[in-house]
């Protein structure tokens, strides 16, 4: 069981995701103890955000879950999915 779960809503976030991702995987607790849930909140950047999230998931399949919303729910809605 993971010790920490982190939910990250994303909307057209390719500019910020690499730094966010690196910060999360470098935590002292260790990536194996963290569950990362990225929620693509109906990005409109021609799947650039979704494609980047898929790369992260492939790199750490045991720790990362990605979800893609068809309708923009805004930050609060994306966190509550």
C-alpha atoms as a PDB file:
ATOM      1  CA  UNK A   1       0.000   0.000   0.000  1.00  0.00           C
ATOM      2  CA  UNK A   2       1.236   3.471  -0.899  1.00  0.00           C
ATOM      3  CA  UNK A   3       1.838   5.913   1.955  1.00  0.00           C
ATOM      4  CA  UNK A   4       0.934   9.094   0.075  1.00  0.00           C
ATOM      5  CA  UNK A   5      -1.506   9.868  -2.748  1.00  0.00           C
ATOM      6  CA  UNK A   6      -1.138  13.057  -4.761  1.00  0.00           C
ATOM      7  CA  UNK A   7      -3.815  14.246  -7.197  1.00  0.00           C
ATOM      8  CA  UNK A   8      -2.623  16.664  -9.877  1.00  0.00           C
ATOM      9  CA  UNK A   9      -5.250  18.291 -12.117  1.00  0.00           C
ATOM     10  CA  UNK A  10      -3.764  19.309 -15.486  1.00  0.00           C
ATOM     11  CA  UNK A  11      -5.087  21.639 -18.165  1.00  0.00           C
ATOM     12  CA  UNK A  12      -2.780  22.482 -21.091  1.00  0.00           C
ATOM     13  CA  UNK A  13       0.104  21.910 -18.696  1.00  0.00           C
ATOM     14  CA  UNK A  14       3.024  20.767 -20.843  1.00  0.00           C
ATOM     15  CA  UNK A  15       5.059  23.812 -19.797  1.00  0.00           C
ATOM     16  CA  UNK A  16       4.816  22.866 -16.105  1.00  0.00           C
ATOM     17  CA  UNK A  17       4.499  19.075 -16.034  1.00  0.00           C
ATOM     18  CA  UNK A  18       8.181  18.096 -16.410  1.00  0.00           C
ATOM     19  CA  UNK A  19       9.256  20.169 -13.387  1.00  0.00           C
ATOM     20  CA  UNK A  20       6.243  18.970 -11.375  1.00  0.00           C
ATOM     21  CA  UNK A  21       6.941  15.347 -12.279  1.00  0.00           C
ATOM     22  CA  UNK A  22      10.654  15.540 -11.440  1.00  0.00           C
ATOM     23  CA  UNK A  23       9.887  17.155  -8.109  1.00  0.00           C
ATOM     24  CA  UNK A  24       7.452  14.377  -7.237  1.00  0.00           C
ATOM     25  CA  UNK A  25       9.709  11.461  -8.181  1.00  0.00           C
ATOM     26  CA  UNK A  26      12.643  12.966  -6.255  1.00  0.00           C
ATOM     27  CA  UNK A  27      10.831  13.097  -2.919  1.00  0.00           C
ATOM     28  CA  UNK A  28      12.787  11.519  -0.066  1.00  0.00           C
ATOM     29  CA  UNK A  29       9.927   9.126   0.722  1.00  0.00           C
ATOM     30  CA  UNK A  30      10.642   7.380  -2.594  1.00  0.00           C
ATOM     31  CA  UNK A  31       8.448   7.060  -5.673  1.00  0.00           C
ATOM     32  CA  UNK A  32       7.555   3.503  -4.664  1.00  0.00           C
ATOM     33  CA  UNK A  33       5.658   4.932  -1.666  1.00  0.00           C
ATOM     34  CA  UNK A  34       3.757   7.582  -3.644  1.00  0.00           C
ATOM     35  CA  UNK A  35       0.613   7.184  -5.736  1.00  0.00           C
ATOM     36  CA  UNK A  36       0.421   9.945  -8.354  1.00  0.00           C
ATOM     37  CA  UNK A  37      -2.940  10.562  -9.982  1.00  0.00           C
ATOM     38  CA  UNK A  38      -2.774  12.981 -12.898  1.00  0.00           C
ATOM     39  CA  UNK A  39      -6.141  14.199 -14.219  1.00  0.00           C
ATOM     40  CA  UNK A  40      -6.161  15.749 -17.701  1.00  0.00           C
ATOM     41  CA  UNK A  41      -9.033  18.199 -17.311  1.00  0.00           C
ATOM     42  CA  UNK A  42     -10.114  18.194 -20.995  1.00  0.00           C
ATOM     43  CA  UNK A  43      -6.978  19.953 -22.247  1.00  0.00           C
ATOM     44  CA  UNK A  44      -7.286  21.720 -25.589  1.00  0.00           C
ATOM     45  CA  UNK A  45      -3.632  21.439 -26.634  1.00  0.00           C
ATOM     46  CA  UNK A  46      -4.090  18.732 -29.281  1.00  0.00           C
ATOM     47  CA  UNK A  47      -3.312  15.913 -26.814  1.00  0.00           C
ATOM     48  CA  UNK A  48       0.117  17.313 -25.870  1.00  0.00           C
ATOM     49  CA  UNK A  49      -0.706  17.160 -22.149  1.00  0.00           C
ATOM     50  CA  UNK A  50      -2.221  13.678 -22.469  1.00  0.00           C
ATOM     51  CA  UNK A  51       0.782  12.388 -24.437  1.00  0.00           C
ATOM     52  CA  UNK A  52       3.194  13.719 -21.820  1.00  0.00           C
ATOM     53  CA  UNK A  53       1.176  12.085 -19.042  1.00  0.00           C
ATOM     54  CA  UNK A  54       1.292   8.772 -20.906  1.00  0.00           C
ATOM     55  CA  UNK A  55       5.103   9.032 -21.024  1.00  0.00           C
ATOM     56  CA  UNK A  56       5.200   9.523 -17.248  1.00  0.00           C
ATOM     57  CA  UNK A  57       2.881   6.557 -16.736  1.00  0.00           C
ATOM     58  CA  UNK A  58       5.096   4.335 -18.906  1.00  0.00           C
ATOM     59  CA  UNK A  59       8.138   5.361 -16.848  1.00  0.00           C
ATOM     60  CA  UNK A  60       6.497   4.532 -13.485  1.00  0.00           C
ATOM     61  CA  UNK A  61       3.501   2.256 -14.132  1.00  0.00           C
ATOM     62  CA  UNK A  62       3.331   1.068 -10.509  1.00  0.00           C
ATOM     63  CA  UNK A  63       3.047   4.601  -9.127  1.00  0.00           C
ATOM     64  CA  UNK A  64       1.174   6.656 -11.724  1.00  0.00           C
ATOM     65  CA  UNK A  65      -2.448   6.640 -12.797  1.00  0.00           C
ATOM     66  CA  UNK A  66      -3.716   9.018 -15.466  1.00  0.00           C
ATOM     67  CA  UNK A  67      -7.303   9.980 -16.162  1.00  0.00           C
ATOM     68  CA  UNK A  68      -8.673  12.002 -19.066  1.00  0.00           C
ATOM     69  CA  UNK A  69     -11.869  14.000 -18.687  1.00  0.00           C
ATOM     70  CA  UNK A  70     -14.027  14.720 -21.720  1.00  0.00           C
ATOM     71  CA  UNK A  71     -15.447  17.895 -20.158  1.00  0.00           C
ATOM     72  CA  UNK A  72     -13.501  20.550 -18.250  1.00  0.00           C
ATOM     73  CA  UNK A  73     -14.414  20.253 -14.574  1.00  0.00           C
ATOM     74  CA  UNK A  74     -12.018  22.967 -13.354  1.00  0.00           C
ATOM     75  CA  UNK A  75      -9.511  22.284 -10.593  1.00  0.00           C
ATOM     76  CA  UNK A  76     -11.978  21.313  -7.877  1.00  0.00           C
ATOM     77  CA  UNK A  77     -13.940  18.981 -10.109  1.00  0.00           C
ATOM     78  CA  UNK A  78     -10.802  17.359 -11.481  1.00  0.00           C
ATOM     79  CA  UNK A  79      -9.525  16.709  -7.946  1.00  0.00           C
ATOM     80  CA  UNK A  80     -12.784  15.039  -6.980  1.00  0.00           C
ATOM     81  CA  UNK A  81     -12.949  12.640  -9.925  1.00  0.00           C
END
